[in-house]
Amino acid sequence: MTWTREEDIQHVFVNHFSTLFTTQGTLNVETAIKVVDCRVSAKMYIALSLPFTVDGVTTTLSQIHLTKTLGPDDDTLIFGRVTMTKLMQVRDVLRIYEEASGQCINLNKSDIMFSAGISDERGESLVEVLGVRRVLYHSIYLGVLIPRGCTSIFLDLVDRVTKKLRGWKSKTLSFAGKLTLIKSIVQAIPTYLMTCFKIPQTIIEQIEAYIVHFLWGQKADEKRVHWLRKEWLYKPMFDGGLGIKDLSAFNDALLVKHGWRLL
């Protein structure tokens, strides 16, 4: 068995952050700065220029969520008109970004998609400018299926909820235990997808039906008494309800947050 000293672990993290946020061998920095609004004040620059310390890295790690990575975000969508001039401008901007930031764009993981009005011949000539792959449709972005107005694309979401509910033995759980599992686990499953898309009402109704059946211990081949009306399930507990999220309203609230940021 190998034992690692605490000082060694601290050294690894300090080196990681130092390498991650230290710029070396960059070019065209002035060109990139000219077209970017200044957001860093002189006071902020002094603070950012301080050397990395164990205490500073420890504080940073304590503020990072367990599901987040330690590296910078690297997924970007670019929309524009399909002309040779525009694509060459995009290529030049990406090149300047690489030289100024020291980061390289992985062209093997980069795709381009054209609208239906672009012929195959023209599309191939445009693809050669950027050196990326041409795809007919982006099916997944950031781990989320991108729908095309088809309800069936969201059926995977219903399957994930039902599999989670079937894995729990309803008879061995108290009513309070079921309610806790629904709030903390089941209703968290569609949250990420809801921040990106408006879930069809038919899908939401299916998910809510499975949740209600699990709560009252109802199986597919039997009927159970529902001791509360549906609207009372979604009322806050201080108003006498159970505090279960109304998924349709929750979906709208998450999407409105994006709209508010655009205003």
C-alpha atoms as a PDB file:
ATOM      1  CA  MET A   1       0.000   0.000   0.000  1.00  0.00           C
ATOM      2  CA  THR A   2       1.328   3.455  -0.972  1.00  0.00           C
ATOM      3  CA  TRP A   3       0.833   6.349   1.390  1.00  0.00           C
ATOM      4  CA  THR A   4       0.799   9.946   0.120  1.00  0.00           C
ATOM      5  CA  ARG A   5       1.727  12.798   2.375  1.00  0.00           C
ATOM      6  CA  GLU A   6      -0.590  15.774   2.680  1.00  0.00           C
ATOM      7  CA  GLU A   7       2.210  18.046   1.484  1.00  0.00           C
ATOM      8  CA  ASP A   8       2.489  16.017  -1.738  1.00  0.00           C
ATOM      9  CA  ILE A   9      -1.239  16.354  -2.409  1.00  0.00           C
ATOM     10  CA  GLN A  10      -1.074  20.100  -1.827  1.00  0.00           C
ATOM     11  CA  HIS A  11       1.876  20.359  -4.215  1.00  0.00           C
ATOM     12  CA  VAL A  12      -0.067  18.551  -6.960  1.00  0.00           C
ATOM     13  CA  PHE A  13      -3.059  20.883  -6.694  1.00  0.00           C
ATOM     14  CA  VAL A  14      -0.957  24.048  -6.568  1.00  0.00           C
ATOM     15  CA  ASN A  15       0.962  22.959  -9.691  1.00  0.00           C
ATOM     16  CA  HIS A  16      -2.288  22.095 -11.466  1.00  0.00           C
ATOM     17  CA  PHE A  17      -3.830  25.529 -10.917  1.00  0.00           C
ATOM     18  CA  SER A  18      -0.560  27.294 -11.682  1.00  0.00           C
ATOM     19  CA  THR A  19      -0.296  25.512 -15.039  1.00  0.00           C
ATOM     20  CA  LEU A  20      -4.009  25.975 -15.803  1.00  0.00           C
ATOM     21  CA  PHE A  21      -4.088  29.734 -15.272  1.00  0.00           C
ATOM     22  CA  THR A  22      -0.556  30.748 -16.297  1.00  0.00           C
ATOM     23  CA  THR A  23      -0.058  32.071 -19.814  1.00  0.00           C
ATOM     24  CA  GLN A  24       3.142  31.129 -21.618  1.00  0.00           C
ATOM     25  CA  GLY A  25       4.393  31.631 -25.168  1.00  0.00           C
ATOM     26  CA  THR A  26       1.294  33.474 -26.428  1.00  0.00           C
ATOM     27  CA  LEU A  27       1.126  35.674 -29.542  1.00  0.00           C
ATOM     28  CA  ASN A  28      -1.249  38.328 -30.835  1.00  0.00           C
ATOM     29  CA  VAL A  29      -2.400  39.212 -27.325  1.00  0.00           C
ATOM     30  CA  GLU A  30      -2.768  42.887 -28.223  1.00  0.00           C
ATOM     31  CA  THR A  31      -4.906  42.023 -31.269  1.00  0.00           C
ATOM     32  CA  ALA A  32      -7.303  39.995 -29.146  1.00  0.00           C
ATOM     33  CA  ILE A  33      -7.492  42.591 -26.369  1.00  0.00           C
ATOM     34  CA  LYS A  34      -8.440  45.394 -28.778  1.00  0.00           C
ATOM     35  CA  VAL A  35     -11.766  43.751 -29.658  1.00  0.00           C
ATOM     36  CA  VAL A  36     -12.668  42.635 -26.125  1.00  0.00           C
ATOM     37  CA  ASP A  37     -14.178  44.984 -23.551  1.00  0.00           C
ATOM     38  CA  CYS A  38     -11.998  45.421 -20.473  1.00  0.00           C
ATOM     39  CA  ARG A  39     -13.551  43.705 -17.447  1.00  0.00           C
ATOM     40  CA  VAL A  40     -10.506  43.484 -15.174  1.00  0.00           C
ATOM     41  CA  SER A  41      -9.650  46.560 -13.105  1.00  0.00           C
ATOM     42  CA  ALA A  42      -6.158  47.403 -11.903  1.00  0.00           C
ATOM     43  CA  LYS A  43      -7.040  46.147  -8.424  1.00  0.00           C
ATOM     44  CA  MET A  44      -8.366  42.874  -9.826  1.00  0.00           C
ATOM     45  CA  TYR A  45      -5.227  42.471 -11.973  1.00  0.00           C
ATOM     46  CA  ILE A  46      -2.983  42.774  -8.892  1.00  0.00           C
ATOM     47  CA  ALA A  47      -5.040  40.155  -7.062  1.00  0.00           C
ATOM     48  CA  LEU A  48      -4.972  37.791 -10.052  1.00  0.00           C
ATOM     49  CA  SER A  49      -1.204  38.212 -10.435  1.00  0.00           C
ATOM     50  CA  LEU A  50      -0.445  36.991  -6.927  1.00  0.00           C
ATOM     51  CA  PRO A  51       1.369  33.628  -6.711  1.00  0.00           C
ATOM     52  CA  PHE A  52      -0.688  30.535  -5.971  1.00  0.00           C
ATOM     53  CA  THR A  53      -0.726  29.437  -2.336  1.00  0.00           C
ATOM     54  CA  VAL A  54      -1.987  26.326  -0.560  1.00  0.00           C
ATOM     55  CA  ASP A  55      -4.634  28.343   1.304  1.00  0.00           C
ATOM     56  CA  GLY A  56      -5.884  29.960  -1.885  1.00  0.00           C
ATOM     57  CA  VAL A  57      -6.148  26.656  -3.743  1.00  0.00           C
ATOM     58  CA  THR A  58      -7.862  25.018  -0.740  1.00  0.00           C
ATOM     59  CA  THR A  59     -10.469  27.799  -0.664  1.00  0.00           C
ATOM     60  CA  THR A  60     -11.060  27.429  -4.414  1.00  0.00           C
ATOM     61  CA  LEU A  61     -11.484  23.657  -4.214  1.00  0.00           C
ATOM     62  CA  SER A  62     -13.999  23.995  -1.390  1.00  0.00           C
ATOM     63  CA  GLN A  63     -16.151  26.211  -3.625  1.00  0.00           C
ATOM     64  CA  ILE A  64     -16.146  23.845  -6.606  1.00  0.00           C
ATOM     65  CA  HIS A  65     -19.151  21.541  -6.925  1.00  0.00           C
ATOM     66  CA  LEU A  66     -18.392  17.835  -7.111  1.00  0.00           C
ATOM     67  CA  THR A  67     -19.874  17.566 -10.605  1.00  0.00           C
ATOM     68  CA  LYS A  68     -17.734  20.395 -12.019  1.00  0.00           C
ATOM     69  CA  THR A  69     -14.379  20.021 -13.686  1.00  0.00           C
ATOM     70  CA  LEU A  70     -11.228  21.964 -12.851  1.00  0.00           C
ATOM     71  CA  GLY A  71     -10.610  23.052 -16.420  1.00  0.00           C
ATOM     72  CA  PRO A  72     -12.149  25.860 -18.483  1.00  0.00           C
ATOM     73  CA  ASP A  73     -15.343  25.413 -20.486  1.00  0.00           C
ATOM     74  CA  ASP A  74     -14.543  24.319 -24.029  1.00  0.00           C
ATOM     75  CA  ASP A  75     -17.898  23.954 -25.819  1.00  0.00           C
ATOM     76  CA  THR A  76     -19.026  26.799 -28.072  1.00  0.00           C
ATOM     77  CA  LEU A  77     -21.749  27.170 -30.688  1.00  0.00           C
ATOM     78  CA  ILE A  78     -21.210  29.695 -33.498  1.00  0.00           C
ATOM     79  CA  PHE A  79     -24.057  30.772 -35.798  1.00  0.00           C
ATOM     80  CA  GLY A  80     -23.642  32.798 -38.987  1.00  0.00           C
ATOM     81  CA  ARG A  81     -24.381  33.232 -42.662  1.00  0.00           C
ATOM     82  CA  VAL A  82     -22.775  30.701 -44.949  1.00  0.00           C
ATOM     83  CA  THR A  83     -20.386  32.651 -47.142  1.00  0.00           C
ATOM     84  CA  MET A  84     -16.736  32.104 -47.914  1.00  0.00           C
ATOM     85  CA  THR A  85     -15.893  35.527 -46.449  1.00  0.00           C
ATOM     86  CA  LYS A  86     -17.688  34.830 -43.172  1.00  0.00           C
ATOM     87  CA  LEU A  87     -16.037  31.441 -42.752  1.00  0.00           C
ATOM     88  CA  MET A  88     -12.604  32.916 -43.378  1.00  0.00           C
ATOM     89  CA  GLN A  89     -13.328  35.547 -40.723  1.00  0.00           C
ATOM     90  CA  VAL A  90     -14.338  32.830 -38.264  1.00  0.00           C
ATOM     91  CA  ARG A  91     -11.159  30.920 -39.087  1.00  0.00           C
ATOM     92  CA  ASP A  92      -9.037  34.022 -38.461  1.00  0.00           C
ATOM     93  CA  VAL A  93     -10.765  34.769 -35.157  1.00  0.00           C
ATOM     94  CA  LEU A  94     -10.197  31.216 -33.954  1.00  0.00           C
ATOM     95  CA  ARG A  95      -6.535  31.413 -34.976  1.00  0.00           C
ATOM     96  CA  ILE A  96      -6.063  34.678 -33.061  1.00  0.00           C
ATOM     97  CA  TYR A  97      -7.784  33.131 -30.046  1.00  0.00           C
ATOM     98  CA  GLU A  98      -5.387  30.188 -30.127  1.00  0.00           C
ATOM     99  CA  GLU A  99      -2.341  32.414 -30.357  1.00  0.00           C
ATOM    100  CA  ALA A 100      -3.530  34.824 -27.657  1.00  0.00           C
ATOM    101  CA  SER A 101      -4.773  32.238 -25.150  1.00  0.00           C
ATOM    102  CA  GLY A 102      -2.289  29.434 -25.722  1.00  0.00           C
ATOM    103  CA  GLN A 103      -5.187  26.986 -26.116  1.00  0.00           C
ATOM    104  CA  CYS A 104      -5.592  24.824 -29.213  1.00  0.00           C
ATOM    105  CA  ILE A 105      -8.956  24.082 -30.797  1.00  0.00           C
ATOM    106  CA  ASN A 106      -9.461  20.384 -31.425  1.00  0.00           C
ATOM    107  CA  LEU A 107     -10.695  20.258 -35.022  1.00  0.00           C
ATOM    108  CA  ASN A 108     -11.327  16.507 -34.736  1.00  0.00           C
ATOM    109  CA  LYS A 109     -14.080  17.274 -32.215  1.00  0.00           C
ATOM    110  CA  SER A 110     -15.451  20.265 -34.122  1.00  0.00           C
ATOM    111  CA  ASP A 111     -18.412  20.011 -36.488  1.00  0.00           C
ATOM    112  CA  ILE A 112     -20.202  22.257 -38.939  1.00  0.00           C
ATOM    113  CA  MET A 113     -23.816  21.981 -40.051  1.00  0.00           C
ATOM    114  CA  PHE A 114     -25.468  23.794 -42.973  1.00  0.00           C
ATOM    115  CA  SER A 115     -29.087  24.627 -43.637  1.00  0.00           C
ATOM    116  CA  ALA A 116     -31.104  22.788 -46.264  1.00  0.00           C
ATOM    117  CA  GLY A 117     -30.415  25.463 -48.891  1.00  0.00           C
ATOM    118  CA  ILE A 118     -26.699  24.625 -49.131  1.00  0.00           C
ATOM    119  CA  SER A 119     -25.789  22.098 -51.815  1.00  0.00           C
ATOM    120  CA  ASP A 120     -23.362  19.267 -51.155  1.00  0.00           C
ATOM    121  CA  GLU A 121     -20.767  20.697 -53.545  1.00  0.00           C
ATOM    122  CA  ARG A 122     -20.801  24.121 -51.931  1.00  0.00           C
ATOM    123  CA  GLY A 123     -20.814  22.598 -48.462  1.00  0.00           C
ATOM    124  CA  GLU A 124     -17.705  20.557 -49.173  1.00  0.00           C
ATOM    125  CA  SER A 125     -15.805  23.606 -50.453  1.00  0.00           C
ATOM    126  CA  LEU A 126     -16.790  25.566 -47.330  1.00  0.00           C
ATOM    127  CA  VAL A 127     -15.771  22.738 -45.014  1.00  0.00           C
ATOM    128  CA  GLU A 128     -12.254  22.804 -46.422  1.00  0.00           C
ATOM    129  CA  VAL A 129     -11.827  26.375 -45.175  1.00  0.00           C
ATOM    130  CA  LEU A 130     -12.229  25.428 -41.513  1.00  0.00           C
ATOM    131  CA  GLY A 131     -10.912  21.881 -41.702  1.00  0.00           C
ATOM    132  CA  VAL A 132     -13.714  20.422 -39.586  1.00  0.00           C
ATOM    133  CA  ARG A 133     -16.221  17.642 -40.111  1.00  0.00           C
ATOM    134  CA  ARG A 134     -19.566  18.223 -41.753  1.00  0.00           C
ATOM    135  CA  VAL A 135     -22.576  16.728 -40.006  1.00  0.00           C
ATOM    136  CA  LEU A 136     -26.215  16.662 -41.031  1.00  0.00           C
ATOM    137  CA  TYR A 137     -27.544  17.065 -37.510  1.00  0.00           C
ATOM    138  CA  HIS A 138     -26.155  17.688 -34.012  1.00  0.00           C
ATOM    139  CA  SER A 139     -27.850  15.013 -31.909  1.00  0.00           C
ATOM    140  CA  ILE A 140     -26.058  15.619 -28.598  1.00  0.00           C
ATOM    141  CA  TYR A 141     -24.630  18.777 -27.084  1.00  0.00           C
ATOM    142  CA  LEU A 142     -23.137  18.897 -23.561  1.00  0.00           C
ATOM    143  CA  GLY A 143     -24.589  15.460 -22.898  1.00  0.00           C
ATOM    144  CA  VAL A 144     -28.141  16.527 -23.788  1.00  0.00           C
ATOM    145  CA  LEU A 145     -30.147  15.167 -26.695  1.00  0.00           C
ATOM    146  CA  ILE A 146     -31.095  17.996 -29.052  1.00  0.00           C
ATOM    147  CA  PRO A 147     -34.729  17.493 -30.147  1.00  0.00           C
ATOM    148  CA  ARG A 148     -36.188  18.383 -33.514  1.00  0.00           C
ATOM    149  CA  GLY A 149     -39.781  19.000 -32.460  1.00  0.00           C
ATOM    150  CA  CYS A 150     -40.415  15.293 -31.931  1.00  0.00           C
ATOM    151  CA  THR A 151     -41.919  14.092 -28.650  1.00  0.00           C
ATOM    152  CA  SER A 152     -40.290  10.689 -29.005  1.00  0.00           C
ATOM    153  CA  ILE A 153     -36.853  12.207 -28.414  1.00  0.00           C
ATOM    154  CA  PHE A 154     -37.868  12.860 -24.792  1.00  0.00           C
ATOM    155  CA  LEU A 155     -38.992   9.297 -24.140  1.00  0.00           C
ATOM    156  CA  ASP A 156     -35.518   8.528 -22.813  1.00  0.00           C
ATOM    157  CA  LEU A 157     -36.301  10.943 -19.989  1.00  0.00           C
ATOM    158  CA  VAL A 158     -39.433   8.976 -19.088  1.00  0.00           C
ATOM    159  CA  ASP A 159     -37.450   5.717 -19.159  1.00  0.00           C
ATOM    160  CA  ARG A 160     -34.855   7.102 -16.757  1.00  0.00           C
ATOM    161  CA  VAL A 161     -37.557   8.142 -14.293  1.00  0.00           C
ATOM    162  CA  THR A 162     -39.398   4.832 -14.470  1.00  0.00           C
ATOM    163  CA  LYS A 163     -36.196   2.814 -14.041  1.00  0.00           C
ATOM    164  CA  LYS A 164     -35.334   4.831 -10.965  1.00  0.00           C
ATOM    165  CA  LEU A 165     -38.791   4.309  -9.457  1.00  0.00           C
ATOM    166  CA  ARG A 166     -38.814   0.586 -10.229  1.00  0.00           C
ATOM    167  CA  GLY A 167     -35.506   0.181  -8.442  1.00  0.00           C
ATOM    168  CA  TRP A 168     -37.102   1.157  -5.142  1.00  0.00           C
ATOM    169  CA  LYS A 169     -39.398  -1.162  -3.254  1.00  0.00           C
ATOM    170  CA  SER A 170     -42.474   0.890  -2.545  1.00  0.00           C
ATOM    171  CA  LYS A 171     -43.806  -1.454   0.154  1.00  0.00           C
ATOM    172  CA  THR A 172     -40.698  -1.119   2.307  1.00  0.00           C
ATOM    173  CA  LEU A 173     -40.732   2.697   2.293  1.00  0.00           C
ATOM    174  CA  SER A 174     -42.807   4.956   4.485  1.00  0.00           C
ATOM    175  CA  PHE A 175     -44.871   7.744   2.965  1.00  0.00           C
ATOM    176  CA  ALA A 176     -42.323  10.307   4.163  1.00  0.00           C
ATOM    177  CA  GLY A 177     -39.512   8.233   2.651  1.00  0.00           C
ATOM    178  CA  LYS A 178     -41.244   8.090  -0.738  1.00  0.00           C
ATOM    179  CA  LEU A 179     -41.840  11.829  -0.658  1.00  0.00           C
ATOM    180  CA  THR A 180     -38.188  12.499   0.120  1.00  0.00           C
ATOM    181  CA  LEU A 181     -36.979  10.282  -2.731  1.00  0.00           C
ATOM    182  CA  ILE A 182     -39.356  11.967  -5.173  1.00  0.00           C
ATOM    183  CA  LYS A 183     -38.235  15.465  -4.248  1.00  0.00           C
ATOM    184  CA  SER A 184     -34.498  14.860  -3.949  1.00  0.00           C
ATOM    185  CA  ILE A 185     -33.854  12.305  -6.720  1.00  0.00           C
ATOM    186  CA  VAL A 186     -36.702  11.700  -9.161  1.00  0.00           C
ATOM    187  CA  GLN A 187     -37.576  15.329  -9.802  1.00  0.00           C
ATOM    188  CA  ALA A 188     -33.901  16.185 -10.200  1.00  0.00           C
ATOM    189  CA  ILE A 189     -33.530  13.860 -13.218  1.00  0.00           C
ATOM    190  CA  PRO A 190     -35.200  16.159 -15.800  1.00  0.00           C
ATOM    191  CA  THR A 191     -33.800  19.402 -14.357  1.00  0.00           C
ATOM    192  CA  TYR A 192     -30.774  19.694 -16.659  1.00  0.00           C
ATOM    193  CA  LEU A 193     -32.859  19.011 -19.767  1.00  0.00           C
ATOM    194  CA  MET A 194     -35.473  21.518 -18.610  1.00  0.00           C
ATOM    195  CA  THR A 195     -32.882  24.282 -18.495  1.00  0.00           C
ATOM    196  CA  CYS A 196     -32.393  23.843 -22.252  1.00  0.00           C
ATOM    197  CA  PHE A 197     -35.747  22.820 -23.734  1.00  0.00           C
ATOM    198  CA  LYS A 198     -39.465  23.153 -23.234  1.00  0.00           C
ATOM    199  CA  ILE A 199     -40.539  19.615 -22.384  1.00  0.00           C
ATOM    200  CA  PRO A 200     -43.772  18.525 -24.151  1.00  0.00           C
ATOM    201  CA  GLN A 201     -46.758  18.430 -21.821  1.00  0.00           C
ATOM    202  CA  THR A 202     -47.455  14.794 -22.700  1.00  0.00           C
ATOM    203  CA  ILE A 203     -44.002  13.815 -21.419  1.00  0.00           C
ATOM    204  CA  ILE A 204     -44.472  15.800 -18.207  1.00  0.00           C
ATOM    205  CA  GLU A 205     -47.853  14.165 -17.630  1.00  0.00           C
ATOM    206  CA  GLN A 206     -46.311  10.704 -18.034  1.00  0.00           C
ATOM    207  CA  ILE A 207     -43.560  11.495 -15.520  1.00  0.00           C
ATOM    208  CA  GLU A 208     -46.032  12.948 -13.031  1.00  0.00           C
ATOM    209  CA  ALA A 209     -48.287   9.905 -13.427  1.00  0.00           C
ATOM    210  CA  TYR A 210     -45.422   7.550 -12.526  1.00  0.00           C
ATOM    211  CA  ILE A 211     -44.535   9.745  -9.557  1.00  0.00           C
ATOM    212  CA  VAL A 212     -48.123   9.706  -8.257  1.00  0.00           C
ATOM    213  CA  HIS A 213     -48.392   5.932  -8.686  1.00  0.00           C
ATOM    214  CA  PHE A 214     -45.169   5.440  -6.742  1.00  0.00           C
ATOM    215  CA  LEU A 215     -46.291   7.800  -3.992  1.00  0.00           C
ATOM    216  CA  TRP A 216     -49.578   5.984  -3.368  1.00  0.00           C
ATOM    217  CA  GLY A 217     -48.146   2.506  -3.954  1.00  0.00           C
ATOM    218  CA  GLN A 218     -50.168   1.924  -7.113  1.00  0.00           C
ATOM    219  CA  LYS A 219     -49.111  -0.678  -9.664  1.00  0.00           C
ATOM    220  CA  ALA A 220     -50.053  -0.923 -13.320  1.00  0.00           C
ATOM    221  CA  ASP A 221     -52.629  -3.669 -12.765  1.00  0.00           C
ATOM    222  CA  GLU A 222     -54.341  -2.224  -9.702  1.00  0.00           C
ATOM    223  CA  LYS A 223     -55.986   0.895  -8.376  1.00  0.00           C
ATOM    224  CA  ARG A 224     -55.230   2.657  -5.107  1.00  0.00           C
ATOM    225  CA  VAL A 225     -56.960   5.472  -3.308  1.00  0.00           C
ATOM    226  CA  HIS A 226     -55.292   8.856  -3.816  1.00  0.00           C
ATOM    227  CA  TRP A 227     -55.761  10.592  -0.493  1.00  0.00           C
ATOM    228  CA  LEU A 228     -55.038  14.056  -1.856  1.00  0.00           C
ATOM    229  CA  ARG A 229     -56.207  15.861  -4.952  1.00  0.00           C
ATOM    230  CA  LYS A 230     -53.543  16.511  -7.565  1.00  0.00           C
ATOM    231  CA  GLU A 231     -53.332  20.256  -6.981  1.00  0.00           C
ATOM    232  CA  TRP A 232     -52.528  19.670  -3.300  1.00  0.00           C
ATOM    233  CA  LEU A 233     -49.463  17.659  -4.232  1.00  0.00           C
ATOM    234  CA  TYR A 234     -47.842  20.731  -5.753  1.00  0.00           C
ATOM    235  CA  LYS A 235     -48.738  23.232  -3.046  1.00  0.00           C
ATOM    236  CA  PRO A 236     -46.031  24.262  -0.557  1.00  0.00           C
ATOM    237  CA  MET A 237     -45.975  22.380   2.703  1.00  0.00           C
ATOM    238  CA  PHE A 238     -46.725  25.533   4.696  1.00  0.00           C
ATOM    239  CA  ASP A 239     -49.992  25.795   2.714  1.00  0.00           C
ATOM    240  CA  GLY A 240     -50.955  22.215   3.552  1.00  0.00           C
ATOM    241  CA  GLY A 241     -49.567  20.587   0.405  1.00  0.00           C
ATOM    242  CA  LEU A 242     -46.774  18.063  -0.109  1.00  0.00           C
ATOM    243  CA  GLY A 243     -44.309  20.445  -1.748  1.00  0.00           C
ATOM    244  CA  ILE A 244     -43.767  18.390  -4.926  1.00  0.00           C
ATOM    245  CA  LYS A 245     -42.612  20.481  -7.888  1.00  0.00           C
ATOM    246  CA  ASP A 246     -45.049  21.229 -10.660  1.00  0.00           C
ATOM    247  CA  LEU A 247     -42.733  20.138 -13.484  1.00  0.00           C
ATOM    248  CA  SER A 248     -44.442  22.261 -16.122  1.00  0.00           C
ATOM    249  CA  ALA A 249     -44.141  25.448 -14.056  1.00  0.00           C
ATOM    250  CA  PHE A 250     -40.600  24.486 -13.026  1.00  0.00           C
ATOM    251  CA  ASN A 251     -39.636  24.055 -16.694  1.00  0.00           C
ATOM    252  CA  ASP A 252     -41.009  27.502 -17.548  1.00  0.00           C
ATOM    253  CA  ALA A 253     -39.140  29.079 -14.621  1.00  0.00           C
ATOM    254  CA  LEU A 254     -35.803  27.603 -15.733  1.00  0.00           C
ATOM    255  CA  LEU A 255     -36.287  28.823 -19.308  1.00  0.00           C
ATOM    256  CA  VAL A 256     -37.326  32.297 -18.157  1.00  0.00           C
ATOM    257  CA  LYS A 257     -33.968  32.598 -16.366  1.00  0.00           C
ATOM    258  CA  HIS A 258     -32.215  32.387 -19.752  1.00  0.00           C
ATOM    259  CA  GLY A 259     -34.573  34.988 -21.197  1.00  0.00           C
ATOM    260  CA  TRP A 260     -33.897  37.314 -18.300  1.00  0.00           C
ATOM    261  CA  ARG A 261     -30.141  37.105 -18.877  1.00  0.00           C
ATOM    262  CA  LEU A 262     -30.625  38.097 -22.505  1.00  0.00           C
ATOM    263  CA  LEU A 263     -32.510  41.278 -21.595  1.00  0.00           C
END
